[in-house]
Amino acid sequence: MLRTLLLSLAVVSTTVANAQDAAAQQGGMTSTLIMLAVMGLFFYFMIIRPNKKRQTEHQNLMNELKKGTEVVTSAGIIGKVADVADGYISVEIANNVVIKLQRQAIISMVPKGTYKGTTDNAQGNKKAKKEETVAETAETTEAVETKENNG
């Protein structure tokens, strides 16, 4: 009888010990799941959400592009949109110099007037040359008149 009692006590104590180990493992599993959830939220708010926001902003920029819009490319080139196609865009970077780029190469639009094409500069240069020519002609005329009056 004592022997049966001792065996029963041993079985009960082993069962209680196993139950406690299972409870400890269950608590470990819960804390692991909580940590995974916290890490998932961290990645969502720090990486995934800002990236999606940037993608939607870039998509809106691509939808707003039209002929005459002044843009900056990913290489830092400033130009004016000459033509918009499905996958490509033509950008005028100088007078009669047009480059063809993928639409994704455009990173931002710049305010009107930022890009001053060489057509404006060429017209300005023509005006400056014309004014120089007029001034030289006037100086030459004055020099001839002075020489005639002195001579």
Protein backbone atom coordinates (compact mmCIF):
# COMPACT_ATOMS: atom_id res chain seq x y z
CA MET A 1 0.00 0.00 0.00
CA LEU A 2 2.77 2.35 0.81
CA ARG A 3 4.35 1.34 -2.41
CA THR A 4 1.22 2.20 -4.40
CA LEU A 5 0.92 5.48 -2.58
CA LEU A 6 4.51 6.39 -3.45
CA LEU A 7 4.01 5.43 -7.09
CA SER A 8 0.83 7.51 -7.26
CA LEU A 9 2.63 10.46 -5.69
CA ALA A 10 5.46 10.12 -8.22
CA VAL A 11 3.02 10.05 -11.15
CA VAL A 12 1.14 13.09 -9.86
CA SER A 13 4.32 15.07 -9.27
CA THR A 14 5.55 14.22 -12.80
CA THR A 15 2.21 15.28 -14.26
CA VAL A 16 2.29 18.57 -12.34
CA ALA A 17 5.87 19.22 -13.49
CA ASN A 18 4.92 18.53 -17.11
CA ALA A 19 1.92 20.85 -16.80
CA GLN A 20 4.15 23.63 -15.45
CA ASP A 21 6.62 23.19 -18.33
CA ALA A 22 3.77 23.37 -20.82
CA ALA A 23 2.50 26.57 -19.19
CA ALA A 24 5.98 28.09 -19.36
CA GLN A 25 6.27 27.15 -23.03
CA GLN A 26 2.84 28.63 -23.73
CA GLY A 27 3.90 31.95 -22.21
CA GLY A 28 7.07 31.91 -24.33
CA MET A 29 5.00 31.35 -27.46
CA THR A 30 2.71 34.28 -26.63
CA SER A 31 5.60 36.67 -26.08
CA THR A 32 7.17 35.52 -29.35
CA LEU A 33 3.95 36.22 -31.24
CA ILE A 34 3.68 39.65 -29.64
CA MET A 35 7.27 40.48 -30.64
CA LEU A 36 6.59 39.36 -34.23
CA ALA A 37 3.51 41.58 -34.36
CA VAL A 38 5.46 44.57 -33.02
CA MET A 39 8.22 43.99 -35.60
CA GLY A 40 5.64 43.72 -38.38
CA LEU A 41 4.06 47.03 -37.38
CA PHE A 42 7.51 48.64 -37.19
CA PHE A 43 8.37 47.52 -40.73
CA TYR A 44 4.98 48.66 -42.01
CA PHE A 45 5.19 52.19 -40.59
CA MET A 46 8.90 52.73 -41.20
CA ILE A 47 9.43 51.07 -44.60
CA ILE A 48 6.32 49.94 -46.45
CA ARG A 49 3.98 52.89 -45.86
CA PRO A 50 6.47 55.67 -46.82
CA ASN A 51 7.48 53.74 -49.93
CA LYS A 52 3.84 53.39 -51.04
CA LYS A 53 3.33 57.11 -50.43
CA ARG A 54 6.34 57.96 -52.64
CA GLN A 55 5.06 55.64 -55.36
CA THR A 56 1.63 57.29 -55.44
CA GLU A 57 3.22 60.76 -55.54
CA HIS A 58 5.43 59.71 -58.48
CA GLN A 59 2.43 58.18 -60.25
CA ASN A 60 0.52 61.47 -59.83
CA LEU A 61 3.54 63.32 -61.27
CA MET A 62 3.59 61.00 -64.29
CA ASN A 63 -0.13 61.61 -64.87
CA GLU A 64 0.35 65.41 -64.74
CA LEU A 65 3.14 65.50 -67.35
CA LYS A 66 2.26 67.25 -70.58
CA LYS A 67 4.03 69.11 -73.37
CA GLY A 68 5.75 72.27 -72.13
CA THR A 69 6.16 71.14 -68.51
CA GLU A 70 9.60 71.87 -67.07
CA VAL A 71 11.13 68.83 -65.36
CA VAL A 72 14.26 67.48 -63.66
CA THR A 73 15.53 64.02 -64.56
CA SER A 74 17.16 61.53 -62.21
CA ALA A 75 20.52 62.51 -63.75
CA GLY A 76 19.92 66.15 -62.78
CA ILE A 77 19.14 67.40 -66.28
CA ILE A 78 16.62 70.25 -66.45
CA GLY A 79 14.52 70.52 -69.57
CA LYS A 80 11.12 71.07 -71.10
CA VAL A 81 8.85 68.18 -72.10
CA ALA A 82 8.62 68.02 -75.89
CA ASP A 83 6.52 64.87 -76.30
CA VAL A 84 4.78 62.38 -74.03
CA ALA A 85 4.35 58.74 -75.07
CA ASP A 86 3.21 55.63 -73.19
CA GLY A 87 6.53 54.47 -71.77
CA TYR A 88 8.85 57.24 -72.91
CA ILE A 89 9.07 61.01 -72.77
CA SER A 90 11.04 63.44 -74.95
CA VAL A 91 12.76 66.30 -73.13
CA GLU A 92 14.27 69.33 -74.84
CA ILE A 93 17.48 70.21 -73.02
CA ALA A 94 18.83 72.80 -75.50
CA ASN A 95 17.82 74.43 -78.76
CA ASN A 96 16.96 71.56 -81.16
CA VAL A 97 18.43 69.00 -78.72
CA VAL A 98 15.80 66.49 -77.61
CA ILE A 99 16.53 63.39 -75.56
CA LYS A 100 14.22 60.43 -75.12
CA LEU A 101 13.91 59.04 -71.59
CA GLN A 102 11.83 56.49 -69.74
CA ARG A 103 8.99 58.11 -67.82
CA GLN A 104 10.43 56.86 -64.52
CA ALA A 105 13.57 59.00 -65.12
CA ILE A 106 11.58 62.16 -64.34
CA ILE A 107 11.84 62.85 -60.62
CA SER A 108 10.15 66.23 -60.27
CA MET A 109 8.61 69.21 -61.97
CA VAL A 110 10.17 72.64 -61.57
CA PRO A 111 8.37 76.00 -61.53
CA LYS A 112 7.78 77.67 -64.90
CA GLY A 113 10.70 79.84 -65.93
CA THR A 114 13.35 77.72 -64.21
CA TYR A 115 14.43 76.24 -67.53
CA LYS A 116 15.53 78.96 -69.89
CA GLY A 117 16.12 77.20 -73.17
CA THR A 118 18.84 78.31 -75.51
CA THR A 119 16.20 79.80 -77.80
CA ASP A 120 15.74 82.62 -75.27
CA ASN A 121 19.51 82.99 -74.86
CA ALA A 122 20.04 82.91 -78.61
CA GLN A 123 17.52 85.71 -79.09
CA GLY A 124 19.21 87.66 -76.32
CA ASN A 125 22.62 87.05 -77.89
CA LYS A 126 21.31 88.21 -81.29
CA LYS A 127 20.04 91.41 -79.69
CA ALA A 128 23.37 91.98 -77.96
CA LYS A 129 25.29 91.39 -81.22
CA LYS A 130 22.96 93.72 -83.11
CA GLU A 131 23.47 96.43 -80.49
CA GLU A 132 27.27 95.95 -80.68
CA THR A 133 27.15 96.24 -84.48
CA VAL A 134 25.09 99.43 -84.27
CA ALA A 135 27.49 100.87 -81.69
CA GLU A 136 30.55 99.97 -83.83
CA THR A 137 28.91 101.53 -86.90
CA ALA A 138 28.18 104.69 -84.95
CA GLU A 139 31.77 104.88 -83.68
CA THR A 140 33.14 104.33 -87.19
CA THR A 141 30.85 107.03 -88.57
CA GLU A 142 31.93 109.47 -85.85
CA ALA A 143 35.59 108.69 -86.49
CA VAL A 144 35.19 109.35 -90.25
CA GLU A 145 33.31 112.62 -89.61
CA THR A 146 35.96 113.78 -87.13
CA LYS A 147 38.74 112.95 -89.59
CA GLU A 148 36.99 114.86 -92.38
CA ASN A 149 36.45 117.89 -90.11
CA ASN A 150 40.08 117.89 -88.93
CA GLY A 151 41.62 117.10 -92.26
